[in-house]
Protein backbone atom coordinates (compact mmCIF):
# COMPACT_ATOMS: atom_id res chain seq x y z
CA MET A 1 163.11 128.01 56.56
CA ILE A 2 161.33 124.93 54.61
CA MET A 3 159.26 122.56 56.91
CA LEU A 4 159.04 119.02 55.60
CA ARG A 5 155.43 117.56 55.93
CA PRO A 6 155.34 114.04 57.18
CA SER A 7 154.75 112.04 53.67
CA ARG A 8 157.96 114.30 52.08
CA LEU A 9 159.70 113.03 55.48
CA ALA A 10 158.71 109.44 54.62
CA LEU A 11 159.86 109.86 51.24
CA ILE A 12 163.09 111.44 52.05
CA ALA A 13 164.07 109.72 54.58
CA PRO A 14 165.34 106.61 52.81
CA LEU A 15 167.57 108.77 50.28
CA ALA A 16 169.38 109.82 53.10
CA PHE A 17 171.21 106.25 53.19
CA VAL A 18 173.05 107.86 49.70
CA SER A 19 174.14 110.70 51.33
CA LEU A 20 176.21 109.75 54.51
CA PRO A 21 179.72 108.21 54.76
CA GLY A 22 180.64 104.61 55.39
CA VAL A 23 177.96 103.06 52.93
CA ALA A 24 179.33 100.17 50.98
CA TYR A 25 176.31 98.66 49.37
CA ALA A 26 177.87 95.77 47.74
CA GLU A 27 178.74 94.60 51.09
CA SER A 28 175.66 95.93 53.11
CA ASP A 29 173.80 93.27 54.96
CA ILE A 30 169.70 94.79 54.88
CA ARG A 31 167.64 93.24 57.42
CA VAL A 32 163.65 93.92 57.17
CA SER A 33 161.37 93.23 60.37
CA ALA A 34 158.17 94.20 61.55
CA GLU A 35 155.97 93.54 64.84
CA ALA A 36 152.43 93.72 64.40
CA ARG A 37 150.06 94.16 68.18
CA ALA A 38 146.47 93.46 68.79
CA ASP A 39 145.11 94.28 72.56
CA VAL A 40 141.76 94.83 73.97
CA GLY A 41 141.37 96.35 77.35
CA TYR A 42 139.74 98.68 79.56
CA SER A 43 141.04 102.12 81.33
CA ALA A 44 138.91 104.26 83.57
CA ASN A 45 140.41 107.53 81.89
CA PRO A 46 142.35 107.17 79.06
CA PHE A 47 142.61 110.68 78.22
CA SER A 48 143.10 112.01 81.77
CA VAL A 49 139.79 114.19 81.12
CA SER A 50 137.86 115.50 83.85
CA THR A 51 136.10 113.30 86.58
CA GLY A 52 132.78 111.83 85.69
CA ASP A 53 131.93 108.93 83.56
CA THR A 54 135.10 108.59 81.81
CA GLY A 55 135.98 104.80 81.83
CA THR A 56 135.41 102.51 78.34
CA ALA A 57 136.59 99.37 76.58
CA SER A 58 138.98 99.66 73.52
CA ALA A 59 140.67 97.75 71.01
CA THR A 60 144.20 98.42 69.41
CA LEU A 61 145.91 97.46 66.61
CA ALA A 62 149.50 98.60 65.63
CA ILE A 63 152.01 98.01 63.10
CA ALA A 64 155.94 98.86 63.56
CA PRO A 65 158.06 98.02 60.42
CA LYS A 66 161.77 98.38 60.40
CA VAL A 67 164.67 98.36 57.85
CA LYS A 68 167.97 98.06 58.49
CA LEU A 69 171.10 98.71 56.41
CA VAL A 70 174.22 97.03 58.17
CA ASN A 71 177.99 97.15 56.92
CA GLU A 72 181.14 97.23 58.42
CA ARG A 73 181.46 101.10 58.86
CA SER A 74 177.79 102.03 59.40
CA VAL A 75 174.28 100.97 60.10
CA PHE A 76 171.10 102.86 58.91
CA THR A 77 167.56 101.92 60.35
CA LEU A 78 164.36 103.43 59.16
CA SER A 79 161.77 102.90 61.31
CA ALA A 80 157.92 103.51 61.65
CA SER A 81 154.90 102.72 63.67
CA ALA A 82 150.94 103.17 63.55
CA GLU A 83 148.69 102.92 65.89
CA TYR A 84 144.83 102.92 65.51
CA LEU A 85 142.93 102.84 68.99
CA ARG A 86 138.97 101.80 68.72
CA TYR A 87 137.26 103.10 72.04
CA PHE A 88 133.69 101.18 72.55
CA GLU A 89 132.12 104.37 74.06
CA ARG A 90 132.47 107.82 75.25
CA TYR A 91 135.62 108.56 72.83
CA GLY A 92 136.11 108.94 68.75
CA ASP A 93 138.77 106.50 67.33
CA VAL A 94 142.30 107.76 67.42
CA GLY A 95 145.19 107.11 65.33
CA ASN A 96 149.35 107.61 66.59
CA TYR A 97 151.82 107.26 64.28
CA ASP A 98 155.47 108.01 63.89
CA VAL A 99 158.63 107.95 61.24
CA GLY A 100 162.17 108.01 61.79
CA LEU A 101 165.78 107.60 60.54
CA ASP A 102 168.80 106.74 62.68
CA TYR A 103 172.34 106.53 61.60
CA THR A 104 175.43 105.42 63.47
CA GLY A 105 179.12 104.97 61.81
CA THR A 106 182.77 105.50 61.61
CA PRO A 107 183.72 107.30 58.58
CA VAL A 108 187.24 107.29 59.42
CA GLU A 109 189.32 105.91 62.11
CA HIS A 110 188.79 107.38 65.19
CA VAL A 111 185.56 109.36 64.65
CA LYS A 112 182.33 108.48 65.39
CA THR A 113 178.98 109.71 64.17
CA HIS A 114 175.19 109.67 64.90
CA PHE A 115 171.96 111.17 63.92
CA ASN A 116 168.38 110.60 64.43
CA VAL A 117 165.66 112.43 62.61
CA ARG A 118 162.21 111.62 63.84
CA TYR A 119 158.44 112.88 63.16
CA ASP A 120 155.27 111.85 65.41
CA SER A 121 151.91 112.90 66.18
CA ALA A 122 150.15 111.98 69.00
CA ILE A 123 147.01 113.03 71.47
CA ILE A 124 148.79 114.10 74.44
CA GLY A 125 147.40 113.25 77.67
CA GLY A 126 146.81 109.56 76.18
CA ASN A 127 147.85 106.22 77.79
CA THR A 128 150.70 105.46 76.09
CA GLN A 129 152.28 102.80 78.45
CA VAL A 130 154.78 100.40 76.82
CA PHE A 131 153.94 96.70 77.75
CA GLY A 132 156.88 94.29 77.55
CA VAL A 133 159.97 93.24 78.78
CA ILE A 134 162.53 96.19 78.86
CA ASP A 135 165.92 96.02 76.78
CA PRO A 136 168.53 98.25 78.89
CA THR A 137 171.03 98.40 75.81
CA LEU A 138 169.08 100.39 73.65
CA PRO A 139 170.60 103.85 73.35
CA THR A 140 168.65 106.68 74.88
CA LEU A 141 168.34 109.66 72.76
CA PRO A 142 168.62 113.38 74.27
CA VAL A 143 165.05 114.82 75.44
CA THR A 144 164.28 117.90 73.40
CA SER A 145 160.96 119.07 74.48
CA GLY A 146 158.69 118.68 77.77
CA THR A 147 155.94 116.40 78.98
CA ASP A 148 152.99 118.72 78.32
CA LEU A 149 151.34 118.21 81.75
CA SER A 150 149.25 121.53 81.57
CA LEU A 151 147.68 120.22 78.38
CA PHE A 152 146.75 116.47 79.86
CA GLY A 153 143.01 116.38 79.70
CA THR A 154 142.54 118.69 76.48
CA ARG A 155 142.64 115.67 74.20
CA ASP A 156 144.96 117.93 72.08
CA ARG A 157 147.21 116.50 69.22
CA ARG A 158 150.99 117.74 69.23
CA GLU A 159 153.04 117.23 66.05
CA THR A 160 156.85 116.64 66.51
CA LEU A 161 159.79 116.75 64.27
CA ARG A 162 163.11 116.58 65.88
CA GLY A 163 166.75 116.08 64.76
CA THR A 164 169.70 114.96 66.87
CA GLY A 165 173.09 114.61 65.75
CA ASP A 166 177.00 114.28 67.11
CA VAL A 167 180.27 113.74 66.33
CA THR A 168 182.59 112.01 68.70
CA VAL A 169 186.65 112.17 67.83
CA GLU A 170 189.17 110.24 69.93
CA LEU A 171 192.02 112.64 70.27
CA SER A 172 194.21 110.14 72.11
CA ALA A 173 193.50 106.52 73.74
CA ARG A 174 191.99 108.33 76.58
CA ASP A 175 190.61 111.70 75.57
CA SER A 176 187.33 112.37 73.35
CA LEU A 177 185.85 115.23 72.60
CA LEU A 178 182.27 115.19 71.71
CA VAL A 179 180.02 118.11 69.53
CA SER A 180 176.32 117.78 69.14
CA GLY A 181 173.23 119.43 68.04
CA PHE A 182 169.39 119.53 67.56
CA TYR A 183 166.57 120.85 66.04
CA VAL A 184 162.65 120.45 67.37
CA ARG A 185 159.54 121.83 66.15
CA SER A 186 156.13 120.97 67.74
CA ARG A 187 152.94 122.02 66.38
CA TYR A 188 149.51 122.17 68.30
CA GLY A 189 145.97 121.56 67.35
CA GLN A 190 143.74 123.60 69.79
CA PHE A 191 146.26 125.88 71.38
CA ALA A 192 148.58 126.73 68.26
CA ALA A 193 148.67 130.38 69.23
CA LEU A 194 150.66 130.08 72.38
CA GLY A 195 152.10 126.33 72.34
CA ASN A 196 153.57 125.98 68.92
CA ASN A 197 157.43 126.52 69.53
CA ASP A 198 160.67 125.68 67.52
CA GLY A 199 164.27 125.35 69.40
CA TYR A 200 167.43 124.61 68.32
CA GLY A 201 171.27 124.16 70.14
CA GLY A 202 174.34 122.75 70.42
CA SER A 203 176.77 120.99 73.37
CA VAL A 204 180.26 120.27 73.32
CA GLY A 205 182.03 118.03 75.69
CA TYR A 206 185.21 116.92 76.83
CA SER A 207 186.34 113.54 78.68
CA ARG A 208 189.08 111.31 79.65
CA VAL A 209 189.32 107.84 80.89
CA VAL A 210 190.96 107.81 84.06
CA SER A 211 190.76 104.14 84.81
CA GLU A 212 189.54 100.80 83.34
CA HIS A 213 186.18 101.52 84.88
CA LEU A 214 185.78 105.25 85.12
CA ARG A 215 185.55 108.14 82.42
CA LEU A 216 184.99 111.93 83.40
CA GLY A 217 184.26 114.87 81.40
CA VAL A 218 182.88 118.65 81.45
CA GLN A 219 180.20 119.29 78.77
CA GLY A 220 178.51 123.14 77.87
CA SER A 221 175.45 123.53 76.03
CA ALA A 222 173.49 126.42 74.68
CA ALA A 223 169.90 125.98 73.21
CA GLN A 224 166.96 128.54 72.32
CA TYR A 225 163.22 127.96 71.99
CA ASN A 226 160.98 130.60 70.39
CA TYR A 227 157.45 131.19 70.69
CA GLY A 228 154.82 132.25 68.36
CA GLY A 229 152.75 134.04 70.85
CA ALA A 230 153.16 135.87 74.22
CA LEU A 231 155.74 133.16 75.71
CA GLY A 232 158.28 135.01 73.86
CA ASP A 233 161.77 133.22 73.60
CA SER A 234 163.84 131.32 75.86
CA ARG A 235 167.69 130.79 76.24
CA ILE A 236 169.32 128.45 78.31
CA TYR A 237 172.81 127.91 78.75
CA SER A 238 174.19 124.78 81.00
CA VAL A 239 177.81 123.91 82.44
CA GLN A 240 177.98 120.39 83.64
CA GLY A 241 180.20 117.46 84.74
CA ALA A 242 179.78 114.03 83.59
CA PHE A 243 180.90 110.80 84.18
CA SER A 244 180.69 106.97 82.78
CA ALA A 245 181.69 104.45 85.38
CA THR A 246 181.40 100.64 84.94
CA LEU A 247 180.51 99.76 88.81
CA SER A 248 180.79 95.74 88.23
CA ALA A 249 180.14 92.96 85.63
CA ARG A 250 176.36 93.67 86.27
CA TRP A 251 176.33 97.27 86.82
CA LYS A 252 176.78 100.72 84.75
CA ALA A 253 176.23 104.24 85.13
CA ASP A 254 176.37 107.43 83.23
CA GLY A 255 175.15 110.74 83.57
CA ALA A 256 175.94 114.55 84.47
CA VAL A 257 175.16 117.20 87.18
CA GLY A 258 175.41 121.38 86.63
CA VAL A 259 173.52 124.41 86.53
CA SER A 260 171.50 126.04 83.57
CA PHE A 261 170.98 129.43 83.19
CA VAL A 262 167.79 130.57 82.36
CA GLU A 263 166.78 133.85 80.27
CA ARG A 264 163.43 134.57 79.18
CA SER A 265 162.45 137.62 77.23
CA ALA A 266 159.10 138.03 78.60
CA PHE A 267 159.23 136.54 82.02
CA GLY A 268 162.86 137.25 83.46
CA ASN A 269 165.85 134.75 84.32
CA SER A 270 166.35 132.19 86.79
CA THR A 271 169.05 129.82 87.46
CA THR A 272 168.37 126.10 88.29
CA PHE A 273 169.89 122.70 89.29
CA SER A 274 169.99 120.35 86.13
CA GLY A 275 171.40 116.75 85.45
CA ASN A 276 170.82 113.26 84.48
CA LEU A 277 171.57 109.91 85.66
CA ARG A 278 170.67 106.30 84.05
CA LEU A 279 171.60 103.18 86.59
CA CYS A 280 171.36 99.75 84.92
CA ASN A 281 171.49 96.10 86.03
CA THR A 282 171.84 93.18 83.93
CA THR A 283 171.96 89.44 84.56
CA THR A 284 170.93 86.67 82.71
CA ARG A 285 167.51 86.61 83.40
CA ALA A 286 166.70 90.34 84.83
CA ASN A 287 167.02 93.59 83.62
CA PHE A 288 166.76 96.86 85.81
CA CYS A 289 167.06 100.41 84.85
CA LEU A 290 166.95 103.72 86.72
CA ASN A 291 166.38 107.13 85.35
CA ALA A 292 166.38 110.74 86.47
CA SER A 293 166.84 113.79 85.11
CA ARG A 294 165.92 117.73 85.46
CA ALA A 295 166.21 119.97 82.48
CA VAL A 296 164.62 123.28 81.23
CA LEU A 297 162.57 121.89 78.42
CA PRO A 298 159.77 123.84 76.16
CA THR A 299 156.15 122.65 76.64
CA GLY A 300 152.70 124.44 74.70
CA ILE A 301 151.03 126.96 76.61
CA SER A 302 153.34 126.87 79.87
CA GLY A 303 156.53 127.86 78.06
CA THR A 304 159.77 126.84 78.94
CA GLN A 305 159.71 124.37 82.39
CA ASN A 306 161.97 123.07 84.88
CA GLU A 307 161.23 119.43 84.06
CA THR A 308 162.09 117.08 86.71
CA ALA A 309 161.29 113.35 85.96
CA VAL A 310 162.51 109.75 87.84
CA ASP A 311 161.24 106.11 86.18
CA ALA A 312 162.64 102.56 87.30
CA SER A 313 161.79 99.75 85.16
CA TYR A 314 162.47 95.96 85.99
CA SER A 315 162.00 92.75 83.92
CA TYR A 316 162.63 89.11 85.28
CA ARG A 317 162.54 85.91 83.36
CA VAL A 318 160.63 83.61 85.60
CA THR A 319 160.72 80.80 83.03
CA GLU A 320 162.29 79.61 79.75
CA HIS A 321 159.19 81.35 77.95
CA GLY A 322 157.55 83.77 80.51
CA SER A 323 158.63 86.82 81.88
CA ILE A 324 157.39 89.49 84.22
CA PHE A 325 157.64 93.39 84.01
CA GLY A 326 156.96 96.62 85.55
CA THR A 327 157.74 100.41 85.94
CA VAL A 328 157.05 103.08 87.74
CA GLY A 329 157.84 106.97 87.19
CA TYR A 330 156.73 110.59 88.23
CA THR A 331 157.25 113.90 86.14
CA THR A 332 156.83 117.46 87.73
CA ASN A 333 156.72 120.64 85.62
CA ALA A 334 157.25 124.00 87.88
CA ASN A 335 158.33 127.49 87.12
CA ASN A 336 155.17 127.88 84.98
CA GLN A 337 155.48 131.06 83.23
CA LEU A 338 151.58 132.16 82.56
CA ASN A 339 150.72 130.78 85.96
CA VAL A 340 148.09 128.98 84.44
CA SER A 341 148.15 125.76 86.26
CA GLY A 342 151.29 125.92 89.02
CA GLN A 343 153.11 123.00 89.27
CA ASN A 344 152.04 120.01 87.73
CA GLU A 345 152.87 116.15 88.84
CA TYR A 346 152.40 112.89 87.05
CA PHE A 347 152.69 109.38 88.51
CA ARG A 348 152.46 106.43 86.66
CA ALA A 349 152.77 102.73 87.40
CA SER A 350 152.42 99.31 85.08
CA LEU A 351 152.81 95.69 86.06
CA GLY A 352 152.82 93.02 83.56
CA TYR A 353 153.49 89.39 82.36
CA GLU A 354 154.87 88.30 78.61
CA HIS A 355 154.82 84.62 77.61
CA VAL A 356 156.61 83.30 74.14
CA LEU A 357 153.91 81.04 72.64
CA ARG A 358 156.34 80.62 69.47
CA ARG A 359 159.57 82.22 68.18
CA ASN A 360 157.73 85.14 66.92
CA LEU A 361 154.36 85.17 69.04
CA ARG A 362 154.03 86.31 72.39
CA LEU A 363 151.33 86.86 74.63
CA VAL A 364 151.18 89.92 77.01
CA VAL A 365 149.04 90.77 79.73
CA GLY A 366 149.40 94.27 81.17
CA SER A 367 147.56 96.78 84.21
CA GLN A 368 148.44 100.25 84.84
CA TYR A 369 147.59 102.89 87.16
CA ARG A 370 148.17 106.56 86.23
CA LYS A 371 147.33 109.88 88.25
CA ILE A 372 147.75 113.57 87.33
CA LEU A 373 147.91 116.48 89.59
CA GLY A 374 147.06 120.09 88.45
CA GLY A 375 146.70 121.10 84.65
CA LEU A 376 144.16 122.89 82.79
CA ALA A 377 141.26 120.39 83.80
CA VAL A 378 140.91 118.45 86.96
CA SER A 379 141.56 114.84 86.08
CA GLY A 380 140.39 111.45 87.45
CA ALA A 381 142.99 108.55 88.06
CA ASP A 382 143.23 105.76 85.19
CA TYR A 383 143.54 102.12 86.09
CA GLY A 384 142.81 99.38 84.05
CA GLY A 385 144.07 96.50 82.12
CA GLN A 386 144.93 94.86 78.71
CA VAL A 387 145.57 91.40 76.95
CA GLY A 388 146.87 91.18 73.71
CA VAL A 389 149.35 89.49 71.23
CA ARG A 390 152.73 90.57 69.42
CA VAL A 391 153.59 88.84 66.31
CA SER A 392 157.00 89.82 64.81
CA PHE A 393 158.56 88.82 61.37
CA GLY A 394 161.60 88.94 59.53
CA ASP A 395 164.83 89.52 61.05
CA PRO A 396 165.02 91.86 63.91
CA ARG A 397 168.41 92.16 64.63
């Protein structure tokens, strides 16, 4: 298999515009936008390293351009981001970046298609809290790799290339068939011998509208993850029941629940509960979302893990120009194949305020707390805050 370097991916991704159905360039609306960010702040332990003198002030510069191609049958979004962090003591400078292409379309009547391909490179265990007002209408991509809690504190870099795609066929006014697939490739710096892995898989699902506010279904999936080192290969087969419900004018929920069967070539087989839930409330002034998931996912050095994650986010517009926001989350990895670090737990919380100074200029003030339990190195808690500005350009629709 020929793997693409990031630079080649950035060049090839726009060419995908011409190779997908539903593109009519003469009638397309091209929207170009970008957001620039500048922050200064303090973090007591920005990389979750061992206890000691770990605190530092920092400055961040970031840019996130986006190009959308919109027409009657399709929407293409080419996006990227680059972040540069300057630490004033104890740590070297850090750069994180990603680039991706997203497509949604209806090539023919009763058929909906979607795919997303993205490359990202970032330091594991860095403070990647997202500060700002949440948008519950944004779609959530399927999770194809774990959180790598065992590698927090190592400052290793992970590079990930992932692609996901799905096709939904409306069999009738009430019945739908969904077919999806994914590929993920993760590469590590220090821990390449154990951590590097490739994964691929797919799923098939059927759903039926049983009432105006409720859709029920069933889905089955299979995935394989291959490691280059002693961790061997893992295969996961899952069967789940799924639902999507409009609980009221403000509340919506969707999710799935079932069981996963795990086969490991080097460490035996197991059976585990799996599923996910998303519950959101939207009003004219407030947004709230609760997400919960349980899945078998690949990680570096710890192999495939039973990862459980719960997070909640809330934002409230207190004035015409000002909003408060907060997040809280908890993640745990269990069933460590090499018994290196046992069960790992990760708790995080943030609270902030955003003020619109002008139509395209916002001031953001935030604070955060993080704590990692377990892993290869004992790490102290991370707490701190930041203040910064966000400047937007172009048409962000």
